[in-house]
Amino acid sequence: MIQRISAVTPLSDYRLSVRFDDGKRVIYDVKEDMHLPGYGALRDVYGLFQQVQLDQSRTCVFWNEDIDLPSDTIYQYGREAMD
């Protein structure tokens, strides 16, 4: 089952706060993905990281047509956040 994202918020130090429809909230550290093709732009282009968006299907977050993260990756590898 693909997890759907209900909200995404950029945090400091290239982290995302992500809430899923099932109520789970995680902190996902995007720094761990900076070695992937294109992800360096999140560090090198001023303000790009803060422009994170949720796609229409709510199964992916993205910054541009080259940089995205699927919800299942965020759900599995994000660190569970305490409210």
PDB file of N, CA and C in Angstrom:
ATOM      1  N   MET A   1       0.842  -1.187   0.000  1.00  0.00           N
ATOM      2  CA  MET A   1       0.000   0.000   0.000  1.00  0.00           C
ATOM      3  C   MET A   1       0.885   1.248   0.000  1.00  0.00           C
ATOM      4  N   ILE A   2       0.623   2.126  -0.904  1.00  0.00           N
ATOM      5  CA  ILE A   2       1.384   3.374  -0.991  1.00  0.00           C
ATOM      6  C   ILE A   2       0.863   4.349   0.058  1.00  0.00           C
ATOM      7  N   GLN A   3       1.776   4.878   0.842  1.00  0.00           N
ATOM      8  CA  GLN A   3       1.406   5.839   1.877  1.00  0.00           C
ATOM      9  C   GLN A   3       1.189   7.215   1.248  1.00  0.00           C
ATOM     10  N   ARG A   4       0.101   7.849   1.607  1.00  0.00           N
ATOM     11  CA  ARG A   4      -0.190   9.192   1.102  1.00  0.00           C
ATOM     12  C   ARG A   4       0.212  10.232   2.150  1.00  0.00           C
ATOM     13  N   ILE A   5       0.793  11.304   1.654  1.00  0.00           N
ATOM     14  CA  ILE A   5       1.277  12.396   2.501  1.00  0.00           C
ATOM     15  C   ILE A   5       0.166  13.428   2.655  1.00  0.00           C
ATOM     16  N   SER A   6      -0.059  13.870   3.889  1.00  0.00           N
ATOM     17  CA  SER A   6      -1.056  14.913   4.108  1.00  0.00           C
ATOM     18  C   SER A   6      -0.413  16.292   4.247  1.00  0.00           C
ATOM     19  N   ALA A   7       0.863  16.347   4.652  1.00  0.00           N
ATOM     20  CA  ALA A   7       1.538  17.646   4.795  1.00  0.00           C
ATOM     21  C   ALA A   7       3.050  17.451   4.770  1.00  0.00           C
ATOM     22  N   VAL A   8       3.736  18.428   4.188  1.00  0.00           N
ATOM     23  CA  VAL A   8       5.199  18.446   4.189  1.00  0.00           C
ATOM     24  C   VAL A   8       5.656  19.863   4.517  1.00  0.00           C
ATOM     25  N   THR A   9       6.650  19.950   5.411  1.00  0.00           N
ATOM     26  CA  THR A   9       7.184  21.245   5.824  1.00  0.00           C
ATOM     27  C   THR A   9       8.705  21.174   5.803  1.00  0.00           C
ATOM     28  N   PRO A  10       9.369  22.106   5.104  1.00  0.00           N
ATOM     29  CA  PRO A  10      10.833  22.122   5.142  1.00  0.00           C
ATOM     30  C   PRO A  10      11.318  22.639   6.495  1.00  0.00           C
ATOM     31  N   LEU A  11      12.348  22.005   7.019  1.00  0.00           N
ATOM     32  CA  LEU A  11      12.973  22.413   8.275  1.00  0.00           C
ATOM     33  C   LEU A  11      14.408  22.843   7.999  1.00  0.00           C
ATOM     34  N   SER A  12      15.093  23.270   9.018  1.00  0.00           N
ATOM     35  CA  SER A  12      16.498  23.653   8.864  1.00  0.00           C
ATOM     36  C   SER A  12      17.352  22.424   8.588  1.00  0.00           C
ATOM     37  N   ASP A  13      18.534  22.653   8.097  1.00  0.00           N
ATOM     38  CA  ASP A  13      19.546  21.613   7.903  1.00  0.00           C
ATOM     39  C   ASP A  13      19.078  20.505   6.942  1.00  0.00           C
ATOM     40  N   TYR A  14      18.315  20.883   5.910  1.00  0.00           N
ATOM     41  CA  TYR A  14      17.874  19.960   4.851  1.00  0.00           C
ATOM     42  C   TYR A  14      17.060  18.778   5.385  1.00  0.00           C
ATOM     43  N   ARG A  15      16.164  19.078   6.312  1.00  0.00           N
ATOM     44  CA  ARG A  15      15.258  18.055   6.832  1.00  0.00           C
ATOM     45  C   ARG A  15      13.829  18.424   6.470  1.00  0.00           C
ATOM     46  N   LEU A  16      12.982  17.404   6.348  1.00  0.00           N
ATOM     47  CA  LEU A  16      11.568  17.606   6.065  1.00  0.00           C
ATOM     48  C   LEU A  16      10.741  17.017   7.198  1.00  0.00           C
ATOM     49  N   SER A  17       9.718  17.724   7.604  1.00  0.00           N
ATOM     50  CA  SER A  17       8.708  17.184   8.503  1.00  0.00           C
ATOM     51  C   SER A  17       7.561  16.729   7.615  1.00  0.00           C
ATOM     52  N   VAL A  18       7.233  15.440   7.700  1.00  0.00           N
ATOM     53  CA  VAL A  18       6.217  14.871   6.802  1.00  0.00           C
ATOM     54  C   VAL A  18       5.165  14.153   7.636  1.00  0.00           C
ATOM     55  N   ARG A  19       3.900  14.496   7.395  1.00  0.00           N
ATOM     56  CA  ARG A  19       2.782  13.830   8.050  1.00  0.00           C
ATOM     57  C   ARG A  19       2.028  13.018   7.002  1.00  0.00           C
ATOM     58  N   PHE A  20       1.684  11.790   7.381  1.00  0.00           N
ATOM     59  CA  PHE A  20       0.970  10.879   6.485  1.00  0.00           C
ATOM     60  C   PHE A  20      -0.491  10.766   6.892  1.00  0.00           C
ATOM     61  N   ASP A  21      -1.305  10.282   5.966  1.00  0.00           N
ATOM     62  CA  ASP A  21      -2.736  10.129   6.224  1.00  0.00           C
ATOM     63  C   ASP A  21      -3.037   9.232   7.413  1.00  0.00           C
ATOM     64  N   ASP A  22      -2.159   8.284   7.707  1.00  0.00           N
ATOM     65  CA  ASP A  22      -2.405   7.390   8.836  1.00  0.00           C
ATOM     66  C   ASP A  22      -2.010   8.013  10.181  1.00  0.00           C
ATOM     67  N   GLY A  23      -1.570   9.281  10.153  1.00  0.00           N
ATOM     68  CA  GLY A  23      -1.218  10.002  11.371  1.00  0.00           C
ATOM     69  C   GLY A  23       0.257   9.965  11.720  1.00  0.00           C
ATOM     70  N   LYS A  24       1.010   9.096  11.094  1.00  0.00           N
ATOM     71  CA  LYS A  24       2.451   9.017  11.368  1.00  0.00           C
ATOM     72  C   LYS A  24       3.121  10.302  10.906  1.00  0.00           C
ATOM     73  N   ARG A  25       4.068  10.798  11.722  1.00  0.00           N
ATOM     74  CA  ARG A  25       4.850  11.974  11.344  1.00  0.00           C
ATOM     75  C   ARG A  25       6.312  11.604  11.474  1.00  0.00           C
ATOM     76  N   VAL A  26       7.087  11.925  10.441  1.00  0.00           N
ATOM     77  CA  VAL A  26       8.507  11.617  10.439  1.00  0.00           C
ATOM     78  C   VAL A  26       9.318  12.860  10.091  1.00  0.00           C
ATOM     79  N   ILE A  27      10.576  12.817  10.488  1.00  0.00           N
ATOM     80  CA  ILE A  27      11.568  13.797  10.055  1.00  0.00           C
ATOM     81  C   ILE A  27      12.477  13.048   9.091  1.00  0.00           C
ATOM     82  N   TYR A  28      12.548  13.534   7.857  1.00  0.00           N
ATOM     83  CA  TYR A  28      13.376  12.886   6.844  1.00  0.00           C
ATOM     84  C   TYR A  28      14.567  13.780   6.556  1.00  0.00           C
ATOM     85  N   ASP A  29      15.761  13.225   6.677  1.00  0.00           N
ATOM     86  CA  ASP A  29      17.008  13.974   6.469  1.00  0.00           C
ATOM     87  C   ASP A  29      17.428  13.850   5.001  1.00  0.00           C
ATOM     88  N   VAL A  30      17.221  14.899   4.242  1.00  0.00           N
ATOM     89  CA  VAL A  30      17.538  14.887   2.815  1.00  0.00           C
ATOM     90  C   VAL A  30      19.050  14.935   2.575  1.00  0.00           C
ATOM     91  N   LYS A  31      19.832  15.336   3.573  1.00  0.00           N
ATOM     92  CA  LYS A  31      21.297  15.355   3.413  1.00  0.00           C
ATOM     93  C   LYS A  31      21.821  13.981   3.023  1.00  0.00           C
ATOM     94  N   GLU A  32      21.146  12.936   3.488  1.00  0.00           N
ATOM     95  CA  GLU A  32      21.571  11.572   3.168  1.00  0.00           C
ATOM     96  C   GLU A  32      21.409  11.246   1.682  1.00  0.00           C
ATOM     97  N   ASP A  33      20.648  12.055   0.952  1.00  0.00           N
ATOM     98  CA  ASP A  33      20.424  11.838  -0.478  1.00  0.00           C
ATOM     99  C   ASP A  33      21.237  12.800  -1.361  1.00  0.00           C
ATOM    100  N   MET A  34      22.046  13.653  -0.759  1.00  0.00           N
ATOM    101  CA  MET A  34      22.766  14.668  -1.524  1.00  0.00           C
ATOM    102  C   MET A  34      23.736  14.078  -2.548  1.00  0.00           C
ATOM    103  N   HIS A  35      24.094  12.803  -2.405  1.00  0.00           N
ATOM    104  CA  HIS A  35      24.990  12.159  -3.369  1.00  0.00           C
ATOM    105  C   HIS A  35      24.258  11.757  -4.657  1.00  0.00           C
ATOM    106  N   LEU A  36      22.937  11.771  -4.633  1.00  0.00           N
ATOM    107  CA  LEU A  36      22.158  11.367  -5.808  1.00  0.00           C
ATOM    108  C   LEU A  36      22.207  12.444  -6.888  1.00  0.00           C
ATOM    109  N   PRO A  37      22.108  12.060  -8.155  1.00  0.00           N
ATOM    110  CA  PRO A  37      22.153  13.040  -9.247  1.00  0.00           C
ATOM    111  C   PRO A  37      21.090  14.127  -9.077  1.00  0.00           C
ATOM    112  N   GLY A  38      21.517  15.361  -9.187  1.00  0.00           N
ATOM    113  CA  GLY A  38      20.607  16.493  -9.128  1.00  0.00           C
ATOM    114  C   GLY A  38      20.368  17.055  -7.746  1.00  0.00           C
ATOM    115  N   TYR A  39      20.542  16.251  -6.711  1.00  0.00           N
ATOM    116  CA  TYR A  39      20.210  16.691  -5.355  1.00  0.00           C
ATOM    117  C   TYR A  39      21.130  17.798  -4.845  1.00  0.00           C
ATOM    118  N   GLY A  40      22.324  17.918  -5.404  1.00  0.00           N
ATOM    119  CA  GLY A  40      23.233  18.987  -4.995  1.00  0.00           C
ATOM    120  C   GLY A  40      22.632  20.364  -5.199  1.00  0.00           C
ATOM    121  N   ALA A  41      21.704  20.479  -6.147  1.00  0.00           N
ATOM    122  CA  ALA A  41      21.038  21.763  -6.379  1.00  0.00           C
ATOM    123  C   ALA A  41      20.288  22.239  -5.140  1.00  0.00           C
ATOM    124  N   LEU A  42      19.817  21.317  -4.316  1.00  0.00           N
ATOM    125  CA  LEU A  42      19.115  21.715  -3.090  1.00  0.00           C
ATOM    126  C   LEU A  42      20.038  22.486  -2.161  1.00  0.00           C
ATOM    127  N   ARG A  43      21.323  22.190  -2.227  1.00  0.00           N
ATOM    128  CA  ARG A  43      22.332  22.874  -1.425  1.00  0.00           C
ATOM    129  C   ARG A  43      22.861  24.103  -2.159  1.00  0.00           C
ATOM    130  N   ASP A  44      23.018  23.990  -3.483  1.00  0.00           N
ATOM    131  CA  ASP A  44      23.702  25.022  -4.253  1.00  0.00           C
ATOM    132  C   ASP A  44      22.808  26.164  -4.737  1.00  0.00           C
ATOM    133  N   VAL A  45      21.525  25.916  -4.906  1.00  0.00           N
ATOM    134  CA  VAL A  45      20.598  26.951  -5.396  1.00  0.00           C
ATOM    135  C   VAL A  45      19.872  27.548  -4.188  1.00  0.00           C
ATOM    136  N   TYR A  46      20.163  28.802  -3.922  1.00  0.00           N
ATOM    137  CA  TYR A  46      19.611  29.462  -2.745  1.00  0.00           C
ATOM    138  C   TYR A  46      18.079  29.395  -2.736  1.00  0.00           C
ATOM    139  N   GLY A  47      17.535  28.911  -1.620  1.00  0.00           N
ATOM    140  CA  GLY A  47      16.090  28.898  -1.428  1.00  0.00           C
ATOM    141  C   GLY A  47      15.344  27.726  -2.048  1.00  0.00           C
ATOM    142  N   LEU A  48      16.015  26.912  -2.858  1.00  0.00           N
ATOM    143  CA  LEU A  48      15.325  25.815  -3.537  1.00  0.00           C
ATOM    144  C   LEU A  48      14.747  24.813  -2.541  1.00  0.00           C
ATOM    145  N   PHE A  49      15.500  24.443  -1.527  1.00  0.00           N
ATOM    146  CA  PHE A  49      15.010  23.436  -0.581  1.00  0.00           C
ATOM    147  C   PHE A  49      13.686  23.865   0.053  1.00  0.00           C
ATOM    148  N   GLN A  50      13.561  25.145   0.357  1.00  0.00           N
ATOM    149  CA  GLN A  50      12.346  25.660   1.002  1.00  0.00           C
ATOM    150  C   GLN A  50      11.118  25.605   0.081  1.00  0.00           C
ATOM    151  N   GLN A  51      11.326  25.349  -1.190  1.00  0.00           N
ATOM    152  CA  GLN A  51      10.229  25.330  -2.166  1.00  0.00           C
ATOM    153  C   GLN A  51       9.637  23.937  -2.369  1.00  0.00           C
ATOM    154  N   VAL A  52       9.865  23.024  -1.442  1.00  0.00           N
ATOM    155  CA  VAL A  52       9.344  21.661  -1.566  1.00  0.00           C
ATOM    156  C   VAL A  52       7.825  21.689  -1.753  1.00  0.00           C
ATOM    157  N   GLN A  53       7.335  20.801  -2.616  1.00  0.00           N
ATOM    158  CA  GLN A  53       5.909  20.720  -2.909  1.00  0.00           C
ATOM    159  C   GLN A  53       5.451  19.269  -2.834  1.00  0.00           C
ATOM    160  N   LEU A  54       4.171  19.100  -2.656  1.00  0.00           N
ATOM    161  CA  LEU A  54       3.543  17.788  -2.645  1.00  0.00           C
ATOM    162  C   LEU A  54       2.870  17.586  -3.993  1.00  0.00           C
ATOM    163  N   ASP A  55       3.122  16.436  -4.640  1.00  0.00           N
ATOM    164  CA  ASP A  55       2.500  16.209  -5.941  1.00  0.00           C
ATOM    165  C   ASP A  55       1.005  15.950  -5.775  1.00  0.00           C
ATOM    166  N   GLN A  56       0.281  16.012  -6.881  1.00  0.00           N
ATOM    167  CA  GLN A  56      -1.176  15.916  -6.862  1.00  0.00           C
ATOM    168  C   GLN A  56      -1.676  14.586  -6.292  1.00  0.00           C
ATOM    169  N   SER A  57      -0.933  13.507  -6.511  1.00  0.00           N
ATOM    170  CA  SER A  57      -1.345  12.193  -6.014  1.00  0.00           C
ATOM    171  C   SER A  57      -1.037  12.023  -4.518  1.00  0.00           C
ATOM    172  N   ARG A  58      -0.241  12.942  -3.961  1.00  0.00           N
ATOM    173  CA  ARG A  58       0.203  12.928  -2.563  1.00  0.00           C
ATOM    174  C   ARG A  58       1.069  11.713  -2.244  1.00  0.00           C
ATOM    175  N   THR A  59       1.760  11.184  -3.254  1.00  0.00           N
ATOM    176  CA  THR A  59       2.662  10.044  -3.051  1.00  0.00           C
ATOM    177  C   THR A  59       4.121  10.421  -3.306  1.00  0.00           C
ATOM    178  N   CYS A  60       4.389  11.708  -3.412  1.00  0.00           N
ATOM    179  CA  CYS A  60       5.735  12.166  -3.737  1.00  0.00           C
ATOM    180  C   CYS A  60       5.869  13.634  -3.343  1.00  0.00           C
ATOM    181  N   VAL A  61       7.056  14.011  -2.848  1.00  0.00           N
ATOM    182  CA  VAL A  61       7.385  15.419  -2.700  1.00  0.00           C
ATOM    183  C   VAL A  61       8.433  15.743  -3.758  1.00  0.00           C
ATOM    184  N   PHE A  62       8.452  17.002  -4.209  1.00  0.00           N
ATOM    185  CA  PHE A  62       9.394  17.365  -5.262  1.00  0.00           C
ATOM    186  C   PHE A  62       9.798  18.823  -5.146  1.00  0.00           C
ATOM    187  N   TRP A  63      10.905  19.131  -5.800  1.00  0.00           N
ATOM    188  CA  TRP A  63      11.410  20.498  -5.854  1.00  0.00           C
ATOM    189  C   TRP A  63      11.410  21.029  -7.280  1.00  0.00           C
ATOM    190  N   ASN A  64      11.720  20.181  -8.216  1.00  0.00           N
ATOM    191  CA  ASN A  64      11.667  20.535  -9.636  1.00  0.00           C
ATOM    192  C   ASN A  64      11.506  19.234 -10.412  1.00  0.00           C
ATOM    193  N   GLU A  65      11.601  19.272 -11.731  1.00  0.00           N
ATOM    194  CA  GLU A  65      11.364  18.034 -12.488  1.00  0.00           C
ATOM    195  C   GLU A  65      12.496  17.018 -12.360  1.00  0.00           C
ATOM    196  N   ASP A  66      13.605  17.412 -11.735  1.00  0.00           N
ATOM    197  CA  ASP A  66      14.732  16.496 -11.562  1.00  0.00           C
ATOM    198  C   ASP A  66      14.870  15.932 -10.149  1.00  0.00           C
ATOM    199  N   ILE A  67      14.253  16.568  -9.171  1.00  0.00           N
ATOM    200  CA  ILE A  67      14.474  16.184  -7.774  1.00  0.00           C
ATOM    201  C   ILE A  67      13.139  15.869  -7.108  1.00  0.00           C
ATOM    202  N   ASP A  68      12.983  14.605  -6.696  1.00  0.00           N
ATOM    203  CA  ASP A  68      11.776  14.209  -5.975  1.00  0.00           C
ATOM    204  C   ASP A  68      12.073  13.062  -5.025  1.00  0.00           C
ATOM    205  N   LEU A  69      11.152  12.828  -4.108  1.00  0.00           N
ATOM    206  CA  LEU A  69      11.258  11.739  -3.142  1.00  0.00           C
ATOM    207  C   LEU A  69       9.899  11.052  -3.042  1.00  0.00           C
ATOM    208  N   PRO A  70       9.850   9.743  -3.231  1.00  0.00           N
ATOM    209  CA  PRO A  70       8.574   9.035  -3.100  1.00  0.00           C
ATOM    210  C   PRO A  70       8.163   8.881  -1.634  1.00  0.00           C
ATOM    211  N   SER A  71       6.870   8.848  -1.415  1.00  0.00           N
ATOM    212  CA  SER A  71       6.352   8.769  -0.044  1.00  0.00           C
ATOM    213  C   SER A  71       6.786   7.500   0.674  1.00  0.00           C
ATOM    214  N   ASP A  72       6.896   6.380  -0.049  1.00  0.00           N
ATOM    215  CA  ASP A  72       7.276   5.137   0.634  1.00  0.00           C
ATOM    216  C   ASP A  72       8.703   5.200   1.177  1.00  0.00           C
ATOM    217  N   THR A  73       9.599   5.894   0.477  1.00  0.00           N
ATOM    218  CA  THR A  73      10.973   6.079   0.970  1.00  0.00           C
ATOM    219  C   THR A  73      10.966   6.932   2.235  1.00  0.00           C
ATOM    220  N   ILE A  74      10.215   8.012   2.206  1.00  0.00           N
ATOM    221  CA  ILE A  74      10.137   8.899   3.371  1.00  0.00           C
ATOM    222  C   ILE A  74       9.536   8.145   4.560  1.00  0.00           C
ATOM    223  N   TYR A  75       8.485   7.378   4.304  1.00  0.00           N
ATOM    224  CA  TYR A  75       7.802   6.629   5.359  1.00  0.00           C
ATOM    225  C   TYR A  75       8.736   5.594   5.988  1.00  0.00           C
ATOM    226  N   GLN A  76       9.481   4.896   5.164  1.00  0.00           N
ATOM    227  CA  GLN A  76      10.346   3.832   5.659  1.00  0.00           C
ATOM    228  C   GLN A  76      11.599   4.347   6.342  1.00  0.00           C
ATOM    229  N   TYR A  77      12.223   5.384   5.785  1.00  0.00           N
ATOM    230  CA  TYR A  77      13.526   5.828   6.288  1.00  0.00           C
ATOM    231  C   TYR A  77      13.482   7.087   7.146  1.00  0.00           C
ATOM    232  N   GLY A  78      12.327   7.736   7.225  1.00  0.00           N
ATOM    233  CA  GLY A  78      12.215   8.902   8.090  1.00  0.00           C
ATOM    234  C   GLY A  78      12.272   8.488   9.551  1.00  0.00           C
ATOM    235  N   ARG A  79      12.770   9.381  10.376  1.00  0.00           N
ATOM    236  CA  ARG A  79      12.834   9.128  11.819  1.00  0.00           C
ATOM    237  C   ARG A  79      11.504   9.588  12.425  1.00  0.00           C
ATOM    238  N   GLU A  80      10.842   8.688  13.126  1.00  0.00           N
ATOM    239  CA  GLU A  80       9.533   9.026  13.686  1.00  0.00           C
ATOM    240  C   GLU A  80       9.649  10.223  14.620  1.00  0.00           C
ATOM    241  N   ALA A  81       8.761  11.178  14.400  1.00  0.00           N
ATOM    242  CA  ALA A  81       8.788  12.425  15.188  1.00  0.00           C
ATOM    243  C   ALA A  81       7.833  12.307  16.361  1.00  0.00           C
ATOM    244  N   MET A  82       8.213  12.886  17.442  1.00  0.00           N
ATOM    245  CA  MET A  82       7.352  12.946  18.627  1.00  0.00           C
ATOM    246  C   MET A  82       6.636  14.295  18.632  1.00  0.00           C
ATOM    247  N   ASP A  83       5.335  14.259  18.760  1.00  0.00           N
ATOM    248  CA  ASP A  83       4.556  15.514  18.812  1.00  0.00           C
ATOM    249  C   ASP A  83       4.553  16.119  20.188  1.00  0.00           C
TER     250      ASP A  83
END
